[in-house]
């Protein structure tokens, strides 16, 4: 039996993974901005779920929620930083307030929850932190989500470093990198900047749609997540879905080719 702390459980991945954990007998501290959205899970699973109202951009609230969950269940085994949303707008279109809000939620929210959980995981000498990134955390597309990319690339960087820092304490870190899935990421939870008609070519563009990929089912992804948290040697990065897998197979060879083409210039740059 494992005890989970999952952010953003009202819909999408967070809700499906919460249901999967509870369904096999695990316990879950489930956070959401509005816990009314998970009342049905509380009614079904009773004491196995602890609903917590939380806005992850509030650092003090993050620390308080993690503390409350630990006190309630006695331990924490799996931390899932899932809360986040999509900001749609070309780089030139995005306002300062929109940009800051995107980074506050997708990056700082995960950072604060991670910092809050680490002392408990270190003390017990075990734990697994799952950071919900995206294929957009390792690739970028001309689809008006530049600030979303920035938030996920930042998440990837700190989580990679984190994995190396905390392995000595028995703590594992996995970045979850989904492709296109049928979540609310591009729906009612998303934010859209004021459009400039000069960028009409990217407004509404979705790489997965153009490539003919069918969006993945969040329910189906739960099996992969359970396999990862049960693994003795989980990966630092886990791709989810066909689009993500195919994308990296195309992306990384191109990067290697470019680096090789410019290697002479690169090596000469340090003057040695």
Protein backbone atom coordinates (compact mmCIF):
# COMPACT_ATOMS: atom_id res chain seq x y z
CA UNK A 1 0.00 0.00 0.00
CA UNK A 2 1.27 3.44 -0.94
CA UNK A 3 0.26 6.90 0.18
CA UNK A 4 0.02 9.52 -2.55
CA UNK A 5 -0.10 13.32 -2.62
CA UNK A 6 -1.52 14.44 -5.96
CA UNK A 7 -2.17 17.99 -7.10
CA UNK A 8 -4.79 18.94 -9.67
CA UNK A 9 -7.15 16.01 -9.07
CA UNK A 10 -10.36 17.62 -10.28
CA UNK A 11 -10.02 16.38 -13.86
CA UNK A 12 -7.76 14.80 -16.46
CA UNK A 13 -4.66 12.88 -15.42
CA UNK A 14 -4.91 13.88 -11.77
CA UNK A 15 -8.40 12.49 -11.37
CA UNK A 16 -7.72 9.26 -13.28
CA UNK A 17 -4.51 8.53 -11.39
CA UNK A 18 -6.24 9.26 -8.09
CA UNK A 19 -8.99 6.79 -8.98
CA UNK A 20 -6.44 4.17 -10.03
CA UNK A 21 -4.48 4.48 -6.79
CA UNK A 22 -7.61 4.35 -4.64
CA UNK A 23 -9.02 1.49 -6.67
CA UNK A 24 -6.13 -0.78 -5.78
CA UNK A 25 -6.24 0.07 -2.08
CA UNK A 26 -3.75 2.93 -1.82
CA UNK A 27 -4.41 6.16 0.09
CA UNK A 28 -4.45 9.57 -1.57
CA UNK A 29 -4.23 13.16 -0.39
CA UNK A 30 -6.06 14.74 -3.33
CA UNK A 31 -5.73 18.47 -3.88
CA UNK A 32 -7.86 20.71 -6.06
CA UNK A 33 -8.74 24.38 -6.20
CA UNK A 34 -12.34 23.28 -5.61
CA UNK A 35 -12.70 19.99 -3.75
CA UNK A 36 -16.40 19.76 -4.65
CA UNK A 37 -15.14 18.24 -7.90
CA UNK A 38 -13.86 15.15 -6.08
CA UNK A 39 -16.76 14.74 -3.64
CA UNK A 40 -17.84 11.60 -5.47
CA UNK A 41 -14.45 10.01 -4.79
CA UNK A 42 -14.70 10.91 -1.12
CA UNK A 43 -18.15 9.31 -0.98
CA UNK A 44 -16.86 6.17 -2.67
CA UNK A 45 -13.51 5.71 -0.92
CA UNK A 46 -14.11 7.30 2.49
CA UNK A 47 -11.07 7.50 4.74
CA UNK A 48 -8.71 6.40 1.97
CA UNK A 49 -8.87 9.86 0.41
CA UNK A 50 -8.08 13.19 2.03
CA UNK A 51 -9.49 16.09 -0.03
CA UNK A 52 -7.46 19.28 0.28
CA UNK A 53 -8.37 22.64 -1.19
CA UNK A 54 -5.17 24.06 -2.65
CA UNK A 55 -3.90 26.73 -5.02
CA UNK A 56 -0.38 25.51 -5.76
CA UNK A 57 0.89 29.05 -6.43
CA UNK A 58 0.55 29.74 -2.68
CA UNK A 59 3.83 28.47 -1.20
CA UNK A 60 2.67 28.60 2.42
CA UNK A 61 -0.49 26.70 1.51
CA UNK A 62 1.58 24.05 -0.28
CA UNK A 63 3.70 23.44 2.79
CA UNK A 64 0.62 23.35 5.02
CA UNK A 65 -1.17 20.87 2.73
CA UNK A 66 1.79 18.50 2.56
CA UNK A 67 2.17 18.70 6.35
CA UNK A 68 -1.52 17.99 6.86
CA UNK A 69 -1.38 15.00 4.52
CA UNK A 70 1.67 13.57 6.28
CA UNK A 71 0.09 14.01 9.70
CA UNK A 72 -3.16 12.45 8.51
CA UNK A 73 -1.72 9.36 6.86
CA UNK A 74 1.57 9.03 8.74
CA UNK A 75 3.77 8.91 5.65
CA UNK A 76 4.02 9.94 2.00
CA UNK A 77 5.30 7.61 -0.70
CA UNK A 78 4.38 9.20 -4.02
CA UNK A 79 4.23 12.93 -4.76
CA UNK A 80 2.57 13.84 -8.08
CA UNK A 81 2.90 17.42 -9.27
CA UNK A 82 0.12 17.45 -11.83
CA UNK A 83 -1.54 20.85 -11.39
CA UNK A 84 -1.09 23.08 -14.40
CA UNK A 85 -2.79 24.60 -17.42
CA UNK A 86 -2.12 25.67 -20.98
CA UNK A 87 -1.49 29.28 -21.98
CA UNK A 88 -2.19 29.90 -25.67
CA UNK A 89 -0.55 32.89 -27.27
CA UNK A 90 2.39 33.65 -29.53
CA UNK A 91 5.41 35.02 -27.68
CA UNK A 92 4.64 38.54 -28.89
CA UNK A 93 0.99 38.23 -27.80
CA UNK A 94 1.47 37.07 -24.21
CA UNK A 95 1.06 39.72 -21.53
CA UNK A 96 3.32 40.01 -18.51
CA UNK A 97 0.53 38.94 -16.17
CA UNK A 98 -0.27 35.89 -18.31
CA UNK A 99 3.38 34.88 -18.55
CA UNK A 100 3.97 35.20 -14.81
CA UNK A 101 0.79 33.28 -13.96
CA UNK A 102 1.83 30.44 -16.27
CA UNK A 103 5.24 30.08 -14.65
CA UNK A 104 3.79 30.49 -11.14
CA UNK A 105 1.47 27.53 -11.62
CA UNK A 106 3.35 25.12 -13.88
CA UNK A 107 6.83 25.69 -12.47
CA UNK A 108 6.74 27.28 -9.04
CA UNK A 109 3.72 25.26 -7.92
CA UNK A 110 5.66 22.05 -8.54
CA UNK A 111 8.78 23.51 -6.92
CA UNK A 112 6.97 24.49 -3.72
CA UNK A 113 5.23 21.12 -3.32
CA UNK A 114 8.51 19.32 -3.99
CA UNK A 115 10.33 21.41 -1.37
CA UNK A 116 7.53 20.78 1.12
CA UNK A 117 7.64 17.01 0.63
CA UNK A 118 11.40 16.44 0.60
CA UNK A 119 12.03 16.60 4.38
CA UNK A 120 9.46 13.86 4.97
CA UNK A 121 10.83 11.67 2.19
CA UNK A 122 14.40 12.16 3.38
CA UNK A 123 13.48 11.24 6.94
CA UNK A 124 11.84 7.98 5.90
CA UNK A 125 14.61 7.23 3.38
CA UNK A 126 12.27 6.62 0.48
CA UNK A 127 9.76 8.23 -1.83
CA UNK A 128 9.00 8.90 -5.47
CA UNK A 129 8.31 12.32 -7.00
CA UNK A 130 6.43 12.37 -10.30
CA UNK A 131 6.59 15.66 -12.18
CA UNK A 132 3.98 15.97 -14.90
CA UNK A 133 5.85 17.59 -17.75
CA UNK A 134 4.93 17.21 -21.42
CA UNK A 135 6.38 16.35 -24.79
CA UNK A 136 6.39 20.15 -24.84
CA UNK A 137 9.03 19.97 -22.12
CA UNK A 138 11.61 18.55 -24.52
CA UNK A 139 10.28 19.79 -27.86
CA UNK A 140 8.75 23.08 -29.00
CA UNK A 141 6.08 23.64 -31.63
CA UNK A 142 4.86 26.70 -33.52
CA UNK A 143 1.44 26.34 -31.94
CA UNK A 144 1.20 29.39 -29.71
CA UNK A 145 2.30 27.73 -26.48
CA UNK A 146 5.77 29.22 -26.07
CA UNK A 147 5.29 30.16 -22.42
CA UNK A 148 3.84 26.75 -21.69
CA UNK A 149 6.98 25.26 -23.23
CA UNK A 150 9.09 27.55 -21.05
CA UNK A 151 7.32 26.40 -17.89
CA UNK A 152 7.81 22.72 -18.73
CA UNK A 153 11.43 23.10 -19.84
CA UNK A 154 12.10 24.76 -16.48
CA UNK A 155 10.34 21.89 -14.71
CA UNK A 156 12.49 19.40 -16.61
CA UNK A 157 15.71 21.18 -15.66
CA UNK A 158 15.10 21.41 -11.94
CA UNK A 159 13.72 17.87 -11.78
CA UNK A 160 16.73 16.37 -13.56
CA UNK A 161 19.03 18.13 -11.10
CA UNK A 162 16.78 17.10 -8.22
CA UNK A 163 17.01 13.44 -9.17
CA UNK A 164 20.78 13.60 -8.83
CA UNK A 165 20.66 15.49 -5.53
CA UNK A 166 18.22 13.22 -3.72
CA UNK A 167 19.16 9.75 -4.95
CA UNK A 168 21.50 9.52 -1.94
CA UNK A 169 18.41 9.66 0.30
CA UNK A 170 16.56 6.85 -1.48
CA UNK A 171 14.25 9.27 -3.28
CA UNK A 172 13.36 8.71 -6.94
CA UNK A 173 12.22 11.27 -9.51
CA UNK A 174 10.34 10.66 -12.74
CA UNK A 175 9.30 13.23 -15.35
CA UNK A 176 6.05 12.22 -17.05
CA UNK A 177 6.01 13.47 -20.66
CA UNK A 178 2.60 13.03 -22.31
CA UNK A 179 1.81 13.76 -25.91
CA UNK A 180 -1.75 14.68 -26.90
CA UNK A 181 -4.41 13.38 -24.52
CA UNK A 182 -8.11 14.01 -24.03
CA UNK A 183 -7.72 16.17 -20.94
CA UNK A 184 -9.04 19.67 -20.31
CA UNK A 185 -5.59 21.18 -20.96
CA UNK A 186 -6.80 23.01 -24.06
CA UNK A 187 -10.37 23.38 -22.82
CA UNK A 188 -12.01 25.41 -20.08
CA UNK A 189 -8.92 25.43 -17.88
CA UNK A 190 -6.75 27.07 -20.55
CA UNK A 191 -5.99 30.78 -20.99
CA UNK A 192 -5.84 32.54 -24.36
CA UNK A 193 -3.94 35.75 -25.00
CA UNK A 194 -5.38 38.54 -27.12
CA UNK A 195 -4.70 37.47 -30.68
CA UNK A 196 -2.67 39.40 -33.22
CA UNK A 197 -3.91 38.56 -36.75
CA UNK A 198 -0.31 38.44 -37.97
CA UNK A 199 -0.04 35.11 -36.12
CA UNK A 200 -3.21 33.54 -37.55
CA UNK A 201 -1.11 30.76 -39.06
CA UNK A 202 -0.42 29.33 -35.60
CA UNK A 203 -3.70 30.13 -33.87
CA UNK A 204 -5.50 26.87 -33.25
CA UNK A 205 -2.69 24.75 -34.70
CA UNK A 206 -2.20 21.39 -32.96
CA UNK A 207 0.76 19.23 -34.06
CA UNK A 208 -1.04 16.02 -33.11
CA UNK A 209 -4.08 16.87 -35.22
CA UNK A 210 -2.02 17.74 -38.29
CA UNK A 211 -0.06 14.51 -37.96
CA UNK A 212 -3.27 12.46 -37.71
CA UNK A 213 -2.81 11.21 -34.15
CA UNK A 214 -5.84 10.27 -32.07
CA UNK A 215 -5.75 11.86 -28.59
CA UNK A 216 -4.86 9.43 -25.83
CA UNK A 217 -7.24 8.32 -23.10
CA UNK A 218 -6.24 9.61 -19.63
CA UNK A 219 -7.83 6.52 -18.08
CA UNK A 220 -5.49 4.27 -20.04
CA UNK A 221 -2.45 6.23 -18.83
CA UNK A 222 -3.08 5.18 -15.23
CA UNK A 223 -1.68 1.69 -15.86
CA UNK A 224 1.65 3.18 -16.93
CA UNK A 225 1.80 5.41 -13.85
CA UNK A 226 1.15 2.49 -11.51
CA UNK A 227 3.90 0.48 -13.23
CA UNK A 228 6.35 3.34 -12.75
CA UNK A 229 5.65 3.88 -9.05
CA UNK A 230 5.88 0.13 -8.41
CA UNK A 231 9.19 -0.21 -10.23
CA UNK A 232 12.39 -0.74 -8.27
CA UNK A 233 14.27 1.19 -10.94
CA UNK A 234 11.90 3.77 -12.45
CA UNK A 235 13.01 5.94 -15.38
CA UNK A 236 13.93 9.59 -15.01
CA UNK A 237 11.71 10.28 -18.02
CA UNK A 238 8.61 8.43 -19.20
CA UNK A 239 6.91 9.29 -22.49
CA UNK A 240 3.14 8.78 -22.65
CA UNK A 241 1.43 8.05 -25.93
CA UNK A 242 2.28 7.40 -29.56
CA UNK A 243 2.83 11.04 -30.52
CA UNK A 244 5.39 11.56 -27.76
CA UNK A 245 7.29 8.40 -28.68
CA UNK A 246 7.38 9.19 -32.38
CA UNK A 247 8.25 12.83 -31.77
CA UNK A 248 11.47 12.14 -29.87
CA UNK A 249 12.62 9.61 -32.46
CA UNK A 250 12.45 12.38 -35.04
CA UNK A 251 13.67 15.20 -32.82
CA UNK A 252 16.87 13.86 -31.28
CA UNK A 253 18.57 12.60 -34.46
CA UNK A 254 18.04 16.07 -35.98
CA UNK A 255 19.66 17.69 -32.97
CA UNK A 256 22.62 15.33 -33.14
CA UNK A 257 23.08 16.07 -36.84
CA UNK A 258 23.04 19.84 -36.25
CA UNK A 259 25.50 19.62 -33.35
CA UNK A 260 27.81 17.46 -35.48
CA UNK A 261 27.65 19.90 -38.41
CA UNK A 262 28.71 22.76 -36.15
CA UNK A 263 31.10 20.78 -33.96
CA UNK A 264 34.23 22.42 -35.39
CA UNK A 265 32.86 25.86 -34.62
CA UNK A 266 31.74 24.74 -31.17
CA UNK A 267 35.11 23.25 -30.21
CA UNK A 268 37.00 26.30 -31.43
CA UNK A 269 34.88 28.59 -29.27
CA UNK A 270 36.85 27.99 -26.07
CA UNK A 271 40.16 28.86 -27.68
CA UNK A 272 41.93 25.65 -26.60
